[in-house]
Amino acid sequence: MNRINKEKIWRLIQNIGDGLAGKLPQHPNHPKGRNPYAHVALRVKKRFGSSYKDIADEKYQEVIDFLFLIQTEEG
């Protein structure tokens, strides 16, 4: 993915993560709380099979749509 698209997606991940702060369920592996930004980035990685940085530019809109779905489901 090109630099501009990566930056736009990262900003959206940050915004969604900000909204999830303190809302994620507790987990024994994260006694100090879960990282909402890592949670969103991991969901993208699981859905697309690679880091958001490595997804093809052709899938940019699909990633954006998925991020908005995450925001709707969890936010």
N, C-alpha and C. Protein backbone atom coordinates (compact mmCIF):
# COMPACT_ATOMS: atom_id res chain seq x y z
N MET A 1 0.85 -1.16 0.00
CA MET A 1 0.00 0.00 0.00
C MET A 1 0.90 1.23 0.00
N ASN A 2 0.47 2.26 -0.71
CA ASN A 2 1.30 3.47 -0.76
C ASN A 2 1.26 4.23 0.56
N ARG A 3 2.22 5.11 0.74
CA ARG A 3 2.41 5.83 1.99
C ARG A 3 1.17 6.61 2.42
N ILE A 4 0.53 7.29 1.50
CA ILE A 4 -0.64 8.12 1.84
C ILE A 4 -1.78 7.25 2.35
N ASN A 5 -2.05 6.15 1.66
CA ASN A 5 -3.12 5.25 2.10
C ASN A 5 -2.80 4.62 3.46
N LYS A 6 -1.52 4.25 3.67
CA LYS A 6 -1.12 3.70 4.97
C LYS A 6 -1.41 4.70 6.09
N GLU A 7 -1.06 5.96 5.84
CA GLU A 7 -1.27 6.99 6.86
C GLU A 7 -2.74 7.20 7.15
N LYS A 8 -3.56 7.20 6.11
CA LYS A 8 -5.00 7.38 6.30
C LYS A 8 -5.59 6.22 7.11
N ILE A 9 -5.17 5.02 6.78
CA ILE A 9 -5.68 3.85 7.50
C ILE A 9 -5.19 3.88 8.95
N TRP A 10 -3.92 4.24 9.18
CA TRP A 10 -3.42 4.29 10.55
C TRP A 10 -4.19 5.33 11.38
N ARG A 11 -4.49 6.49 10.79
CA ARG A 11 -5.27 7.51 11.51
C ARG A 11 -6.65 6.98 11.87
N LEU A 12 -7.26 6.24 10.96
CA LEU A 12 -8.58 5.67 11.24
C LEU A 12 -8.47 4.60 12.33
N ILE A 13 -7.43 3.77 12.30
CA ILE A 13 -7.21 2.79 13.35
C ILE A 13 -7.05 3.50 14.70
N GLN A 14 -6.31 4.61 14.72
CA GLN A 14 -6.14 5.36 15.95
C GLN A 14 -7.47 5.92 16.46
N ASN A 15 -8.28 6.46 15.57
CA ASN A 15 -9.57 7.02 15.97
C ASN A 15 -10.49 5.94 16.53
N ILE A 16 -10.51 4.79 15.89
CA ILE A 16 -11.34 3.69 16.37
C ILE A 16 -10.79 3.18 17.70
N GLY A 17 -9.47 3.06 17.81
CA GLY A 17 -8.85 2.65 19.06
C GLY A 17 -9.16 3.61 20.19
N ASP A 18 -9.15 4.91 19.91
CA ASP A 18 -9.51 5.89 20.93
C ASP A 18 -10.92 5.63 21.46
N GLY A 19 -11.82 5.28 20.56
CA GLY A 19 -13.19 5.01 20.96
C GLY A 19 -13.35 3.70 21.74
N LEU A 20 -12.41 2.78 21.56
CA LEU A 20 -12.48 1.49 22.25
C LEU A 20 -11.73 1.49 23.58
N ALA A 21 -11.00 2.54 23.87
CA ALA A 21 -10.20 2.58 25.10
C ALA A 21 -11.11 2.35 26.31
N GLY A 22 -10.74 1.35 27.10
CA GLY A 22 -11.50 1.01 28.29
C GLY A 22 -12.75 0.19 28.06
N LYS A 23 -13.06 -0.12 26.81
CA LYS A 23 -14.27 -0.87 26.49
C LYS A 23 -14.03 -2.34 26.17
N LEU A 24 -12.78 -2.71 25.92
CA LEU A 24 -12.48 -4.10 25.58
C LEU A 24 -12.56 -4.95 26.84
N PRO A 25 -13.06 -6.18 26.72
CA PRO A 25 -13.16 -7.04 27.90
C PRO A 25 -11.79 -7.38 28.48
N GLN A 26 -11.76 -7.61 29.78
CA GLN A 26 -10.52 -7.99 30.46
C GLN A 26 -10.03 -9.33 29.93
N HIS A 27 -8.73 -9.52 29.99
CA HIS A 27 -8.14 -10.77 29.56
C HIS A 27 -6.97 -11.07 30.49
N PRO A 28 -6.82 -12.34 30.91
CA PRO A 28 -5.73 -12.67 31.84
C PRO A 28 -4.33 -12.40 31.30
N ASN A 29 -4.17 -12.39 30.00
CA ASN A 29 -2.86 -12.10 29.41
C ASN A 29 -2.54 -10.61 29.39
N HIS A 30 -3.53 -9.78 29.74
CA HIS A 30 -3.35 -8.33 29.72
C HIS A 30 -3.83 -7.74 31.04
N PRO A 31 -3.09 -7.97 32.12
CA PRO A 31 -3.55 -7.52 33.44
C PRO A 31 -3.64 -6.00 33.58
N LYS A 32 -2.91 -5.26 32.78
CA LYS A 32 -2.96 -3.79 32.86
C LYS A 32 -3.95 -3.20 31.85
N GLY A 33 -4.70 -4.05 31.19
CA GLY A 33 -5.66 -3.59 30.19
C GLY A 33 -5.18 -3.88 28.79
N ARG A 34 -6.13 -3.94 27.89
CA ARG A 34 -5.81 -4.29 26.50
C ARG A 34 -5.53 -3.03 25.69
N ASN A 35 -4.69 -3.19 24.68
CA ASN A 35 -4.32 -2.10 23.79
C ASN A 35 -5.36 -2.04 22.66
N PRO A 36 -6.21 -1.01 22.62
CA PRO A 36 -7.26 -0.97 21.60
C PRO A 36 -6.73 -0.79 20.18
N TYR A 37 -5.59 -0.14 20.03
CA TYR A 37 -5.01 0.07 18.69
C TYR A 37 -4.50 -1.26 18.14
N ALA A 38 -3.83 -2.02 18.99
CA ALA A 38 -3.35 -3.34 18.57
C ALA A 38 -4.53 -4.26 18.26
N HIS A 39 -5.60 -4.12 19.03
CA HIS A 39 -6.80 -4.94 18.80
C HIS A 39 -7.36 -4.68 17.39
N VAL A 40 -7.48 -3.42 17.02
CA VAL A 40 -8.03 -3.08 15.70
C VAL A 40 -7.07 -3.54 14.61
N ALA A 41 -5.78 -3.28 14.78
CA ALA A 41 -4.80 -3.69 13.77
C ALA A 41 -4.77 -5.21 13.61
N LEU A 42 -4.92 -5.94 14.71
CA LEU A 42 -4.94 -7.39 14.64
C LEU A 42 -6.18 -7.90 13.91
N ARG A 43 -7.31 -7.26 14.12
CA ARG A 43 -8.53 -7.66 13.41
C ARG A 43 -8.34 -7.47 11.90
N VAL A 44 -7.70 -6.37 11.51
CA VAL A 44 -7.41 -6.13 10.08
C VAL A 44 -6.48 -7.23 9.56
N LYS A 45 -5.45 -7.53 10.34
CA LYS A 45 -4.48 -8.55 9.92
C LYS A 45 -5.15 -9.91 9.76
N LYS A 46 -6.03 -10.27 10.69
CA LYS A 46 -6.73 -11.55 10.59
C LYS A 46 -7.67 -11.58 9.38
N ARG A 47 -8.32 -10.49 9.11
CA ARG A 47 -9.29 -10.43 8.00
C ARG A 47 -8.61 -10.47 6.63
N PHE A 48 -7.48 -9.76 6.51
CA PHE A 48 -6.84 -9.62 5.20
C PHE A 48 -5.57 -10.46 5.04
N GLY A 49 -5.14 -11.13 6.11
CA GLY A 49 -4.00 -12.02 6.01
C GLY A 49 -2.65 -11.35 6.06
N SER A 50 -2.63 -10.05 6.29
CA SER A 50 -1.36 -9.34 6.42
C SER A 50 -1.60 -8.01 7.12
N SER A 51 -0.52 -7.39 7.53
CA SER A 51 -0.59 -6.09 8.18
C SER A 51 -1.26 -5.08 7.24
N TYR A 52 -1.90 -4.08 7.82
CA TYR A 52 -2.54 -3.06 6.98
C TYR A 52 -1.54 -2.40 6.05
N LYS A 53 -0.27 -2.36 6.43
CA LYS A 53 0.78 -1.75 5.62
C LYS A 53 1.08 -2.55 4.35
N ASP A 54 0.80 -3.85 4.40
CA ASP A 54 1.16 -4.74 3.30
C ASP A 54 -0.01 -5.12 2.39
N ILE A 55 -1.17 -4.57 2.66
CA ILE A 55 -2.34 -4.87 1.83
C ILE A 55 -2.25 -4.06 0.54
N ALA A 56 -2.70 -4.64 -0.55
CA ALA A 56 -2.63 -3.97 -1.86
C ALA A 56 -3.51 -2.73 -1.89
N ASP A 57 -3.07 -1.73 -2.64
CA ASP A 57 -3.84 -0.49 -2.78
C ASP A 57 -5.25 -0.74 -3.31
N GLU A 58 -5.40 -1.79 -4.10
CA GLU A 58 -6.70 -2.08 -4.69
C GLU A 58 -7.74 -2.44 -3.61
N LYS A 59 -7.26 -2.84 -2.44
CA LYS A 59 -8.17 -3.22 -1.36
C LYS A 59 -8.38 -2.09 -0.35
N TYR A 60 -7.88 -0.91 -0.66
CA TYR A 60 -7.97 0.23 0.27
C TYR A 60 -9.40 0.45 0.76
N GLN A 61 -10.34 0.56 -0.14
CA GLN A 61 -11.72 0.83 0.25
C GLN A 61 -12.31 -0.32 1.07
N GLU A 62 -11.94 -1.53 0.74
CA GLU A 62 -12.41 -2.68 1.50
C GLU A 62 -11.90 -2.63 2.95
N VAL A 63 -10.64 -2.19 3.12
CA VAL A 63 -10.09 -2.04 4.47
C VAL A 63 -10.83 -0.96 5.23
N ILE A 64 -11.08 0.17 4.57
CA ILE A 64 -11.82 1.28 5.19
C ILE A 64 -13.20 0.80 5.62
N ASP A 65 -13.88 0.10 4.74
CA ASP A 65 -15.22 -0.41 5.07
C ASP A 65 -15.16 -1.36 6.26
N PHE A 66 -14.15 -2.21 6.31
CA PHE A 66 -14.00 -3.14 7.43
C PHE A 66 -13.75 -2.39 8.73
N LEU A 67 -12.94 -1.35 8.67
CA LEU A 67 -12.67 -0.55 9.87
C LEU A 67 -13.94 0.11 10.39
N PHE A 68 -14.76 0.62 9.49
CA PHE A 68 -16.03 1.21 9.92
C PHE A 68 -16.96 0.16 10.52
N LEU A 69 -16.88 -1.06 10.00
CA LEU A 69 -17.67 -2.17 10.56
C LEU A 69 -17.21 -2.46 11.99
N ILE A 70 -15.89 -2.49 12.20
CA ILE A 70 -15.35 -2.69 13.55
C ILE A 70 -15.86 -1.60 14.48
N GLN A 71 -15.81 -0.38 14.00
CA GLN A 71 -16.26 0.76 14.82
C GLN A 71 -17.73 0.61 15.19
N THR A 72 -18.55 0.16 14.26
CA THR A 72 -19.96 0.00 14.50
C THR A 72 -20.23 -1.16 15.48
N GLU A 73 -19.52 -2.26 15.30
CA GLU A 73 -19.72 -3.44 16.14
C GLU A 73 -19.23 -3.25 17.56
N GLU A 74 -18.07 -2.63 17.71
CA GLU A 74 -17.43 -2.58 19.02
C GLU A 74 -17.49 -1.22 19.68
N GLY A 75 -17.73 -0.18 18.91
CA GLY A 75 -17.71 1.18 19.47
C GLY A 75 -18.98 1.51 20.07
